[in-house]
C-alpha atoms as a PDB file:
ATOM      1  CA  MET A   1       0.000   0.000   0.000  1.00  0.00           C
ATOM      2  CA  ALA A   2       2.850   2.384   0.777  1.00  0.00           C
ATOM      3  CA  ALA A   3       4.456   1.676  -2.606  1.00  0.00           C
ATOM      4  CA  GLU A   4       1.143   2.214  -4.415  1.00  0.00           C
ATOM      5  CA  PHE A   5       0.604   5.497  -2.556  1.00  0.00           C
ATOM      6  CA  SER A   6       4.105   6.674  -3.566  1.00  0.00           C
ATOM      7  CA  ARG A   7       3.449   5.840  -7.223  1.00  0.00           C
ATOM      8  CA  GLU A   8       0.107   7.654  -7.244  1.00  0.00           C
ATOM      9  CA  LEU A   9       1.630  10.667  -5.504  1.00  0.00           C
ATOM     10  CA  GLY A  10       4.481  10.757  -8.022  1.00  0.00           C
ATOM     11  CA  ILE A  11       1.999  10.746 -10.916  1.00  0.00           C
ATOM     12  CA  LYS A  12       0.041  13.647  -9.379  1.00  0.00           C
ATOM     13  CA  VAL A  13       3.170  15.701  -8.700  1.00  0.00           C
ATOM     14  CA  LEU A  14       4.458  15.196 -12.252  1.00  0.00           C
ATOM     15  CA  ALA A  15       1.068  16.199 -13.682  1.00  0.00           C
ATOM     16  CA  GLY A  16       1.143  19.394 -11.607  1.00  0.00           C
ATOM     17  CA  GLN A  17       4.672  20.196 -12.754  1.00  0.00           C
ATOM     18  CA  LYS A  18       3.696  19.723 -16.403  1.00  0.00           C
ATOM     19  CA  ARG A  19       0.669  21.991 -15.961  1.00  0.00           C
ATOM     20  CA  LEU A  20       2.841  24.785 -14.549  1.00  0.00           C
ATOM     21  CA  ALA A  21       5.433  24.207 -17.265  1.00  0.00           C
ATOM     22  CA  HIS A  22       2.720  24.689 -19.912  1.00  0.00           C
ATOM     23  CA  LEU A  23       2.053  28.073 -18.288  1.00  0.00           C
ATOM     24  CA  GLY A  24       5.744  28.989 -18.666  1.00  0.00           C
ATOM     25  CA  PHE A  25       6.827  28.784 -15.023  1.00  0.00           C
ATOM     26  CA  LYS A  26      10.204  27.354 -14.062  1.00  0.00           C
ATOM     27  CA  GLN A  27      10.133  24.173 -11.982  1.00  0.00           C
ATOM     28  CA  GLY A  28      13.572  24.319 -10.387  1.00  0.00           C
ATOM     29  CA  GLY A  29      17.294  24.409 -11.040  1.00  0.00           C
ATOM     30  CA  VAL A  30      19.742  27.226 -11.638  1.00  0.00           C
ATOM     31  CA  PRO A  31      18.712  29.972 -14.104  1.00  0.00           C
ATOM     32  CA  GLY A  32      21.888  29.866 -16.203  1.00  0.00           C
ATOM     33  CA  TYR A  33      24.393  32.505 -17.299  1.00  0.00           C
ATOM     34  CA  GLY A  34      22.715  35.777 -18.324  1.00  0.00           C
ATOM     35  CA  LEU A  35      19.434  34.911 -16.603  1.00  0.00           C
ATOM     36  CA  ARG A  36      17.978  35.318 -13.108  1.00  0.00           C
ATOM     37  CA  ARG A  37      14.965  33.867 -11.272  1.00  0.00           C
ATOM     38  CA  MET A  38      12.059  36.215 -10.622  1.00  0.00           C
ATOM     39  CA  LEU A  39       9.420  35.455  -7.995  1.00  0.00           C
ATOM     40  CA  VAL A  40       5.924  36.367  -9.207  1.00  0.00           C
ATOM     41  CA  ALA A  41       2.535  36.328  -7.482  1.00  0.00           C
ATOM     42  CA  SER A  42      -0.409  34.217  -8.636  1.00  0.00           C
ATOM     43  CA  ASP A  43      -1.661  37.125 -10.788  1.00  0.00           C
ATOM     44  CA  GLY A  44       1.730  37.512 -12.496  1.00  0.00           C
ATOM     45  CA  THR A  45       2.927  40.540 -10.523  1.00  0.00           C
ATOM     46  CA  ALA A  46       6.708  40.547 -10.070  1.00  0.00           C
ATOM     47  CA  LYS A  47       7.732  40.407  -6.421  1.00  0.00           C
ATOM     48  CA  GLN A  48      11.524  40.052  -6.155  1.00  0.00           C
ATOM     49  CA  LEU A  49      14.636  38.496  -7.662  1.00  0.00           C
ATOM     50  CA  LEU A  50      15.732  35.245  -6.035  1.00  0.00           C
ATOM     51  CA  VAL A  51      19.442  34.913  -5.330  1.00  0.00           C
ATOM     52  CA  SER A  52      21.237  31.582  -5.227  1.00  0.00           C
ATOM     53  CA  GLY A  53      19.826  29.413  -2.448  1.00  0.00           C
ATOM     54  CA  GLU A  54      16.557  31.321  -2.004  1.00  0.00           C
ATOM     55  CA  ARG A  55      13.243  29.522  -2.459  1.00  0.00           C
ATOM     56  CA  LYS A  56       9.645  30.668  -2.672  1.00  0.00           C
ATOM     57  CA  SER A  57       7.723  30.399   0.605  1.00  0.00           C
ATOM     58  CA  ILE A  58       4.111  30.835  -0.576  1.00  0.00           C
ATOM     59  CA  ALA A  59       2.505  27.920  -2.414  1.00  0.00           C
ATOM     60  CA  THR A  60       0.675  30.141  -4.909  1.00  0.00           C
ATOM     61  CA  ASP A  61       3.809  32.052  -5.931  1.00  0.00           C
ATOM     62  CA  ARG A  62       5.609  31.063  -9.116  1.00  0.00           C
ATOM     63  CA  VAL A  63       9.121  31.457 -10.553  1.00  0.00           C
ATOM     64  CA  THR A  64      10.007  32.720 -14.015  1.00  0.00           C
ATOM     65  CA  LEU A  65      13.222  33.774 -15.743  1.00  0.00           C
ATOM     66  CA  VAL A  66      14.279  37.352 -16.507  1.00  0.00           C
ATOM     67  CA  HIS A  67      17.399  38.955 -17.951  1.00  0.00           C
ATOM     68  CA  GLY A  68      20.421  39.138 -15.674  1.00  0.00           C
ATOM     69  CA  PRO A  69      23.023  41.931 -15.587  1.00  0.00           C
ATOM     70  CA  ALA A  70      23.513  43.763 -18.871  1.00  0.00           C
ATOM     71  CA  PHE A  71      27.137  42.606 -19.264  1.00  0.00           C
ATOM     72  CA  GLU A  72      26.079  38.938 -18.963  1.00  0.00           C
ATOM     73  CA  VAL A  73      23.319  39.418 -21.547  1.00  0.00           C
ATOM     74  CA  ALA A  74      25.869  41.030 -23.879  1.00  0.00           C
ATOM     75  CA  ARG A  75      28.270  38.106 -23.430  1.00  0.00           C
ATOM     76  CA  VAL A  76      25.543  35.601 -24.328  1.00  0.00           C
ATOM     77  CA  ARG A  77      24.821  37.509 -27.529  1.00  0.00           C
ATOM     78  CA  ASP A  78      28.573  37.611 -28.218  1.00  0.00           C
ATOM     79  CA  MET A  79      28.714  33.798 -28.001  1.00  0.00           C
ATOM     80  CA  TYR A  80      26.003  33.433 -30.629  1.00  0.00           C
ATOM     81  CA  ARG A  81      27.710  36.037 -32.834  1.00  0.00           C
ATOM     82  CA  MET A  82      31.096  34.295 -32.556  1.00  0.00           C
ATOM     83  CA  LEU A  83      29.470  30.982 -33.538  1.00  0.00           C
ATOM     84  CA  THR A  84      27.270  32.126 -36.413  1.00  0.00           C
ATOM     85  CA  ALA A  85      29.113  35.152 -37.836  1.00  0.00           C
ATOM     86  CA  ASP A  86      32.752  34.672 -36.841  1.00  0.00           C
ATOM     87  CA  LYS A  87      32.617  30.866 -37.428  1.00  0.00           C
ATOM     88  CA  LEU A  88      34.484  30.081 -34.216  1.00  0.00           C
ATOM     89  CA  SER A  89      34.283  26.602 -32.725  1.00  0.00           C
ATOM     90  CA  VAL A  90      32.862  26.052 -29.250  1.00  0.00           C
ATOM     91  CA  PRO A  91      36.339  25.557 -27.663  1.00  0.00           C
ATOM     92  CA  GLU A  92      37.584  28.706 -29.421  1.00  0.00           C
ATOM     93  CA  ILE A  93      34.657  30.666 -27.976  1.00  0.00           C
ATOM     94  CA  ALA A  94      35.524  29.344 -24.511  1.00  0.00           C
ATOM     95  CA  ARG A  95      39.167  30.384 -24.918  1.00  0.00           C
ATOM     96  CA  GLU A  96      38.133  33.841 -26.145  1.00  0.00           C
ATOM     97  CA  LEU A  97      35.898  34.351 -23.107  1.00  0.00           C
ATOM     98  CA  ASN A  98      38.684  33.253 -20.770  1.00  0.00           C
ATOM     99  CA  ARG A  99      41.159  35.530 -22.560  1.00  0.00           C
ATOM    100  CA  LYS A 100      38.839  38.494 -21.951  1.00  0.00           C
ATOM    101  CA  GLY A 101      38.493  37.548 -18.288  1.00  0.00           C
ATOM    102  CA  VAL A 102      34.766  36.768 -18.456  1.00  0.00           C
ATOM    103  CA  LYS A 103      33.733  34.798 -15.358  1.00  0.00           C
ATOM    104  CA  GLN A 104      30.699  32.608 -14.830  1.00  0.00           C
ATOM    105  CA  ALA A 105      28.278  33.952 -12.252  1.00  0.00           C
ATOM    106  CA  GLY A 106      27.764  31.967  -9.079  1.00  0.00           C
ATOM    107  CA  LYS A 107      30.878  29.846  -9.540  1.00  0.00           C
ATOM    108  CA  ARG A 108      33.855  29.466  -7.237  1.00  0.00           C
ATOM    109  CA  PRO A 109      37.009  31.264  -8.437  1.00  0.00           C
ATOM    110  CA  GLY A 110      38.650  27.986  -9.491  1.00  0.00           C
ATOM    111  CA  ASN A 111      35.564  26.889 -11.493  1.00  0.00           C
ATOM    112  CA  ALA A 112      34.611  30.218 -13.058  1.00  0.00           C
ATOM    113  CA  THR A 113      36.464  29.659 -16.345  1.00  0.00           C
ATOM    114  CA  TRP A 114      34.651  28.622 -19.509  1.00  0.00           C
ATOM    115  CA  ASN A 115      35.033  25.258 -21.245  1.00  0.00           C
ATOM    116  CA  TYR A 116      33.301  23.240 -23.964  1.00  0.00           C
ATOM    117  CA  PRO A 117      30.260  22.036 -21.910  1.00  0.00           C
ATOM    118  CA  THR A 118      29.491  25.435 -20.365  1.00  0.00           C
ATOM    119  CA  VAL A 119      29.603  27.285 -23.702  1.00  0.00           C
ATOM    120  CA  TYR A 120      27.714  24.513 -25.508  1.00  0.00           C
ATOM    121  CA  GLN A 121      24.941  24.681 -22.906  1.00  0.00           C
ATOM    122  CA  VAL A 122      24.438  28.404 -23.567  1.00  0.00           C
ATOM    123  CA  LEU A 123      24.411  27.880 -27.337  1.00  0.00           C
ATOM    124  CA  THR A 124      21.864  25.052 -27.298  1.00  0.00           C
ATOM    125  CA  ASN A 125      19.428  25.813 -24.459  1.00  0.00           C
ATOM    126  CA  PRO A 126      16.079  27.099 -25.824  1.00  0.00           C
ATOM    127  CA  LYS A 127      15.542  29.328 -22.766  1.00  0.00           C
ATOM    128  CA  TYR A 128      17.875  31.908 -24.322  1.00  0.00           C
ATOM    129  CA  ALA A 129      15.306  32.225 -27.131  1.00  0.00           C
ATOM    130  CA  GLY A 130      12.499  32.611 -24.592  1.00  0.00           C
ATOM    131  CA  ILE A 131      11.325  28.970 -24.807  1.00  0.00           C
ATOM    132  CA  HIS A 132      10.672  26.988 -21.626  1.00  0.00           C
ATOM    133  CA  VAL A 133      11.364  23.246 -21.947  1.00  0.00           C
ATOM    134  CA  PHE A 134      10.472  20.786 -19.183  1.00  0.00           C
ATOM    135  CA  GLY A 135      10.820  17.014 -18.930  1.00  0.00           C
ATOM    136  CA  ARG A 136      13.838  16.301 -21.121  1.00  0.00           C
ATOM    137  CA  SER A 137      14.905  13.528 -18.752  1.00  0.00           C
ATOM    138  CA  THR A 138      13.429  11.503 -15.933  1.00  0.00           C
ATOM    139  CA  GLN A 139      14.872   9.871 -12.839  1.00  0.00           C
ATOM    140  CA  LYS A 140      12.815   7.835 -10.398  1.00  0.00           C
ATOM    141  CA  LEU A 141      13.671   6.203  -7.066  1.00  0.00           C
ATOM    142  CA  SER A 142      17.440   6.839  -7.254  1.00  0.00           C
ATOM    143  CA  THR A 143      17.720   5.090 -10.627  1.00  0.00           C
ATOM    144  CA  ALA A 144      19.871   6.347 -13.495  1.00  0.00           C
ATOM    145  CA  SER A 145      18.662   9.402 -15.380  1.00  0.00           C
ATOM    146  CA  VAL A 146      16.906   8.542 -18.671  1.00  0.00           C
ATOM    147  CA  ARG A 147      16.647  10.970 -21.600  1.00  0.00           C
ATOM    148  CA  LEU A 148      13.143  11.310 -23.015  1.00  0.00           C
ATOM    149  CA  PRO A 149      12.274  11.772 -26.721  1.00  0.00           C
ATOM    150  CA  LYS A 150      11.325  15.264 -27.856  1.00  0.00           C
ATOM    151  CA  SER A 151       7.741  14.144 -28.343  1.00  0.00           C
ATOM    152  CA  GLU A 152       7.407  13.865 -24.537  1.00  0.00           C
ATOM    153  CA  TRP A 153       8.938  17.260 -23.705  1.00  0.00           C
ATOM    154  CA  VAL A 154       6.741  20.100 -22.454  1.00  0.00           C
ATOM    155  CA  THR A 155       7.652  23.111 -24.613  1.00  0.00           C
ATOM    156  CA  THR A 156       6.282  26.613 -24.054  1.00  0.00           C
ATOM    157  CA  PRO A 157       7.381  29.296 -26.572  1.00  0.00           C
ATOM    158  CA  GLY A 158       7.352  32.896 -25.372  1.00  0.00           C
ATOM    159  CA  ALA A 159       7.607  31.942 -21.700  1.00  0.00           C
ATOM    160  CA  PHE A 160      10.509  34.339 -21.052  1.00  0.00           C
ATOM    161  CA  GLU A 161      11.879  37.497 -22.637  1.00  0.00           C
ATOM    162  CA  PRO A 162      14.436  36.168 -25.145  1.00  0.00           C
ATOM    163  CA  ILE A 163      18.087  37.195 -25.109  1.00  0.00           C
ATOM    164  CA  VAL A 164      18.547  36.171 -28.762  1.00  0.00           C
ATOM    165  CA  ASP A 165      15.827  36.092 -31.407  1.00  0.00           C
ATOM    166  CA  GLN A 166      14.477  32.818 -32.772  1.00  0.00           C
ATOM    167  CA  GLU A 167      16.242  33.231 -36.117  1.00  0.00           C
ATOM    168  CA  THR A 168      19.650  33.594 -34.434  1.00  0.00           C
ATOM    169  CA  PHE A 169      18.995  30.604 -32.178  1.00  0.00           C
ATOM    170  CA  ASP A 170      17.901  28.409 -35.104  1.00  0.00           C
ATOM    171  CA  ARG A 171      20.965  29.452 -37.124  1.00  0.00           C
ATOM    172  CA  ALA A 172      23.219  28.503 -34.200  1.00  0.00           C
ATOM    173  CA  GLN A 173      21.620  25.050 -34.022  1.00  0.00           C
ATOM    174  CA  GLN A 174      22.146  24.557 -37.753  1.00  0.00           C
ATOM    175  CA  VAL A 175      25.833  25.451 -37.415  1.00  0.00           C
ATOM    176  CA  LEU A 176      26.324  23.006 -34.538  1.00  0.00           C
ATOM    177  CA  LEU A 177      24.403  20.221 -36.270  1.00  0.00           C
ATOM    178  CA  SER A 178      26.379  20.689 -39.497  1.00  0.00           C
ATOM    179  CA  ARG A 179      29.556  19.940 -37.545  1.00  0.00           C
ATOM    180  CA  THR A 180      28.301  16.818 -35.803  1.00  0.00           C
ATOM    181  CA  LEU A 181      24.994  14.989 -36.213  1.00  0.00           C
ATOM    182  CA  ASN A 182      24.469  15.524 -39.934  1.00  0.00           C
ATOM    183  CA  LYS A 183      27.866  14.100 -40.843  1.00  0.00           C
ATOM    184  CA  SER A 184      28.317  10.410 -41.543  1.00  0.00           C
ATOM    185  CA  LYS A 185      31.200   8.408 -40.113  1.00  0.00           C
ATOM    186  CA  LEU A 186      32.946   8.534 -43.492  1.00  0.00           C
ATOM    187  CA  GLU A 187      32.696  12.347 -43.521  1.00  0.00           C
ATOM    188  CA  LEU A 188      34.037  12.552 -39.965  1.00  0.00           C
ATOM    189  CA  LEU A 189      37.010  10.369 -40.902  1.00  0.00           C
ATOM    190  CA  SER A 190      37.606  12.442 -44.029  1.00  0.00           C
ATOM    191  CA  ASP A 191      37.752  15.585 -41.897  1.00  0.00           C
ATOM    192  CA  LEU A 192      40.214  13.851 -39.593  1.00  0.00           C
ATOM    193  CA  ARG A 193      42.486  12.917 -42.537  1.00  0.00           C
ATOM    194  CA  SER A 194      42.390  16.509 -43.808  1.00  0.00           C
ATOM    195  CA  LEU A 195      43.354  17.824 -40.390  1.00  0.00           C
ATOM    196  CA  VAL A 196      46.327  15.482 -39.945  1.00  0.00           C
ATOM    197  CA  ALA A 197      47.468  16.305 -43.503  1.00  0.00           C
ATOM    198  CA  ALA A 198      47.380  20.027 -42.688  1.00  0.00           C
ATOM    199  CA  GLU A 199      48.831  19.896 -39.165  1.00  0.00           C
ATOM    200  CA  GLY A 200      51.003  16.768 -39.238  1.00  0.00           C
ATOM    201  CA  HIS A 201      49.605  15.443 -35.940  1.00  0.00           C
ATOM    202  CA  LEU A 202      46.360  14.980 -34.043  1.00  0.00           C
ATOM    203  CA  THR A 203      45.300  15.846 -30.508  1.00  0.00           C
ATOM    204  CA  ALA A 204      41.941  16.323 -28.828  1.00  0.00           C
ATOM    205  CA  ARG A 205      42.686  20.038 -28.380  1.00  0.00           C
ATOM    206  CA  LEU A 206      43.560  20.408 -32.050  1.00  0.00           C
ATOM    207  CA  ILE A 207      40.304  18.728 -33.092  1.00  0.00           C
ATOM    208  CA  ASP A 208      38.245  20.925 -30.765  1.00  0.00           C
ATOM    209  CA  GLY A 209      39.995  24.019 -32.099  1.00  0.00           C
ATOM    210  CA  SER A 210      39.012  23.343 -35.726  1.00  0.00           C
ATOM    211  CA  TRP A 211      35.753  25.196 -36.351  1.00  0.00           C
ATOM    212  CA  ASN A 212      34.711  23.082 -39.362  1.00  0.00           C
ATOM    213  CA  MET A 213      35.113  19.758 -37.547  1.00  0.00           C
ATOM    214  CA  ALA A 214      33.129  17.858 -34.956  1.00  0.00           C
ATOM    215  CA  SER A 215      34.459  17.929 -31.396  1.00  0.00           C
ATOM    216  CA  ALA A 216      36.744  15.285 -29.925  1.00  0.00           C
ATOM    217  CA  SER A 217      33.878  14.084 -27.740  1.00  0.00           C
ATOM    218  CA  THR A 218      31.800  13.482 -30.875  1.00  0.00           C
ATOM    219  CA  TYR A 219      34.542  11.270 -32.330  1.00  0.00           C
ATOM    220  CA  SER A 220      34.710   9.352 -29.050  1.00  0.00           C
ATOM    221  CA  TYR A 221      30.927   8.890 -29.086  1.00  0.00           C
ATOM    222  CA  ARG A 222      30.691   7.836 -32.754  1.00  0.00           C
ATOM    223  CA  PHE A 223      33.744   5.536 -32.836  1.00  0.00           C
ATOM    224  CA  GLY A 224      34.004   4.354 -29.221  1.00  0.00           C
ATOM    225  CA  ASN A 225      37.085   6.475 -28.468  1.00  0.00           C
ATOM    226  CA  LEU A 226      39.612   8.679 -30.243  1.00  0.00           C
ATOM    227  CA  GLN A 227      42.110   5.819 -30.511  1.00  0.00           C
ATOM    228  CA  ASP A 228      39.758   3.750 -32.685  1.00  0.00           C
ATOM    229  CA  ALA A 229      39.090   6.773 -34.910  1.00  0.00           C
ATOM    230  CA  TYR A 230      42.838   7.303 -35.308  1.00  0.00           C
ATOM    231  CA  LYS A 231      43.323   3.641 -36.260  1.00  0.00           C
ATOM    232  CA  LEU A 232      40.666   3.853 -38.977  1.00  0.00           C
ATOM    233  CA  ILE A 233      42.630   6.570 -40.793  1.00  0.00           C
ATOM    234  CA  GLY A 234      45.980   4.853 -40.192  1.00  0.00           C
ATOM    235  CA  TYR A 235      47.293   7.478 -37.814  1.00  0.00           C
ATOM    236  CA  GLY A 236      49.729   6.588 -35.014  1.00  0.00           C
ATOM    237  CA  ARG A 237      51.780   3.536 -34.078  1.00  0.00           C
ATOM    238  CA  PRO A 238      50.866   0.786 -31.596  1.00  0.00           C
ATOM    239  CA  GLU A 239      53.272   2.148 -28.983  1.00  0.00           C
ATOM    240  CA  SER A 240      51.482   5.506 -29.168  1.00  0.00           C
ATOM    241  CA  PHE A 241      48.353   3.945 -27.708  1.00  0.00           C
ATOM    242  CA  ARG A 242      49.897   2.039 -24.808  1.00  0.00           C
ATOM    243  CA  LYS A 243      48.613   4.412 -22.141  1.00  0.00           C
ATOM    244  CA  PHE A 244      45.100   4.264 -23.607  1.00  0.00           C
ATOM    245  CA  GLU A 245      45.155   0.464 -23.574  1.00  0.00           C
ATOM    246  CA  ALA A 246      46.401   0.509 -19.971  1.00  0.00           C
ATOM    247  CA  ARG A 247      43.598   2.874 -18.986  1.00  0.00           C
ATOM    248  CA  ARG A 248      41.029   0.620 -20.655  1.00  0.00           C
ATOM    249  CA  ARG A 249      42.359  -2.448 -18.833  1.00  0.00           C
ATOM    250  CA  ASN A 250      42.307  -0.591 -15.513  1.00  0.00           C
ATOM    251  CA  ARG A 251      38.680   0.406 -16.029  1.00  0.00           C
ATOM    252  CA  ALA A 252      37.688  -3.164 -16.865  1.00  0.00           C
ATOM    253  CA  LEU A 253      39.551  -4.436 -13.784  1.00  0.00           C
ATOM    254  CA  ARG A 254      37.879  -1.827 -11.575  1.00  0.00           C
ATOM    255  CA  ASP A 255      34.374  -2.674 -12.837  1.00  0.00           C
ATOM    256  CA  GLU A 256      35.003  -6.392 -12.335  1.00  0.00           C
ATOM    257  CA  LEU A 257      36.287  -5.810  -8.791  1.00  0.00           C
ATOM    258  CA  LEU A 258      33.285  -3.653  -7.835  1.00  0.00           C
ATOM    259  CA  SER A 259      30.891  -6.265  -9.220  1.00  0.00           C
ATOM    260  CA  ASP A 260      32.608  -8.985  -7.167  1.00  0.00           C
ATOM    261  CA  ILE A 261      32.285  -6.880  -4.009  1.00  0.00           C
ATOM    262  CA  VAL A 262      28.569  -6.303  -4.605  1.00  0.00           C
ATOM    263  CA  ALA A 263      28.039 -10.023  -5.318  1.00  0.00           C
ATOM    264  CA  LEU A 264      29.436 -10.859  -1.869  1.00  0.00           C
ATOM    265  CA  LEU A 265      27.076  -8.472  -0.032  1.00  0.00           C
ATOM    266  CA  PRO A 266      24.177  -7.683  -2.385  1.00  0.00           C
ATOM    267  CA  ARG A 267      21.895  -6.419   0.411  1.00  0.00           C
ATOM    268  CA  ASP A 268      24.425  -4.054   1.955  1.00  0.00           C
ATOM    269  CA  ILE A 269      26.341  -2.632  -1.032  1.00  0.00           C
ATOM    270  CA  ALA A 270      25.186  -1.155  -4.343  1.00  0.00           C
ATOM    271  CA  ILE A 271      26.959   0.436  -7.322  1.00  0.00           C
ATOM    272  CA  ILE A 272      26.044   4.043  -8.167  1.00  0.00           C
ATOM    273  CA  ARG A 273      26.617   5.202 -11.749  1.00  0.00           C
ATOM    274  CA  ARG A 274      25.953   8.862 -12.594  1.00  0.00           C
ATOM    275  CA  GLY A 275      27.006   8.540 -16.224  1.00  0.00           C
ATOM    276  CA  GLY A 276      29.897   7.743 -18.544  1.00  0.00           C
ATOM    277  CA  ARG A 277      32.008  10.695 -17.410  1.00  0.00           C
ATOM    278  CA  TRP A 278      31.882   9.714 -13.722  1.00  0.00           C
ATOM    279  CA  ARG A 279      33.589   6.856 -11.927  1.00  0.00           C
ATOM    280  CA  PRO A 280      31.232   4.297 -10.375  1.00  0.00           C
ATOM    281  CA  LYS A 281      30.891   4.430  -6.599  1.00  0.00           C
ATOM    282  CA  LEU A 282      29.948   1.928  -3.919  1.00  0.00           C
ATOM    283  CA  ARG A 283      27.110   2.888  -1.591  1.00  0.00           C
ATOM    284  CA  VAL A 284      27.272   1.066   1.743  1.00  0.00           C
ATOM    285  CA  ARG A 285      23.959   0.581   3.524  1.00  0.00           C
ATOM    286  CA  ARG A 286      23.802   3.078   6.402  1.00  0.00           C
ATOM    287  CA  GLY A 287      27.367   4.011   5.605  1.00  0.00           C
ATOM    288  CA  PRO A 288      29.534   6.253   3.399  1.00  0.00           C
ATOM    289  CA  VAL A 289      29.816   6.350  -0.376  1.00  0.00           C
ATOM    290  CA  ASN A 290      33.206   5.063  -1.543  1.00  0.00           C
ATOM    291  CA  LEU A 291      35.052   5.690  -4.782  1.00  0.00           C
ATOM    292  CA  GLY A 292      36.785   2.698  -6.371  1.00  0.00           C
ATOM    293  CA  ARG A 293      40.048   3.152  -8.256  1.00  0.00           C
ATOM    294  CA  ALA A 294      42.343   0.782 -10.140  1.00  0.00           C
ATOM    295  CA  CYS A 295      45.957   1.988 -10.010  1.00  0.00           C
ATOM    296  CA  SER A 296      48.819   0.799 -12.193  1.00  0.00           C
ATOM    297  CA  THR A 297      52.321   0.183 -10.868  1.00  0.00           C
ATOM    298  CA  ARG A 298      55.747   1.449 -11.885  1.00  0.00           C
ATOM    299  CA  SER A 299      59.298   0.667 -10.905  1.00  0.00           C
ATOM    300  CA  ASN A 300      60.983   2.914  -8.353  1.00  0.00           C
ATOM    301  CA  GLY A 301      64.435   2.218  -9.815  1.00  0.00           C
ATOM    302  CA  ARG A 302      65.457  -0.081  -6.989  1.00  0.00           C
ATOM    303  CA  GLY A 303      63.804  -3.247  -8.157  1.00  0.00           C
ATOM    304  CA  ARG A 304      60.506  -2.559  -6.389  1.00  0.00           C
ATOM    305  CA  SER A 305      57.080  -1.760  -7.787  1.00  0.00           C
ATOM    306  CA  VAL A 306      55.080   1.139  -6.378  1.00  0.00           C
ATOM    307  CA  LEU A 307      51.611   2.463  -7.152  1.00  0.00           C
ATOM    308  CA  ALA A 308      51.489   5.079  -9.895  1.00  0.00           C
ATOM    309  CA  ARG A 309      49.073   7.953  -9.386  1.00  0.00           C
END
């Protein structure tokens, strides 16, 4: 009965969230660079800006997005201009922002610099064109997050005042898609051959810095990893990939070890996986969360093997 009550409650809560999303109200999360959260009354009257950590206290109040400081709004428009007019790649835009000393709002000093994911998020999120999108992924009962098809998203155009117009946003998406999704594997490999012919070598940074090519992460996603893409175009020697092979073996050994530990105590230990970019962790029942690592060894020059960091 408790489980059935939880399921029914979850269905009702999700239905309420979708209804508010259709009305253009934000359901939670950070506003994003160039935007701020505005608390509004039930009749739509603006009440106050919410700073980081603040939450609404009245059930009938709602939250919407408004423009942030003028210099942040200008930087967002600069990103779209650099992508569509100046033909810069996403990593080049990040480097240009860092060169100018532009910092991300609400970040610690060590994490305030721009990189590929942070710039890409600004260039692809529909909220910068005034469109509210809710329900792009779902996660229930501590399970892994699952991406939902676009047909199940709740999309509300005109929910916020746009920072860039719809034409500029659509042009930016076309530029990004032309570099990645619309290219076949043969076209991606052809681009890779052209780059190595022009530069004489290949690195992930060099690939990311080429505006007319897909990113290094795209090659890893489409071919399994960069090493396999390099092999398909005949680039590199076997000894060049030794560290990659060692890393792959270490990951396989780590996953096998964690599975063996869970098999010994299935009721007390579970594996937590946040995604491909994160190492799996072990959650101990009524205990801490532990990170598992597999470390290689190296010689210390005196005939002994020590752990390599």
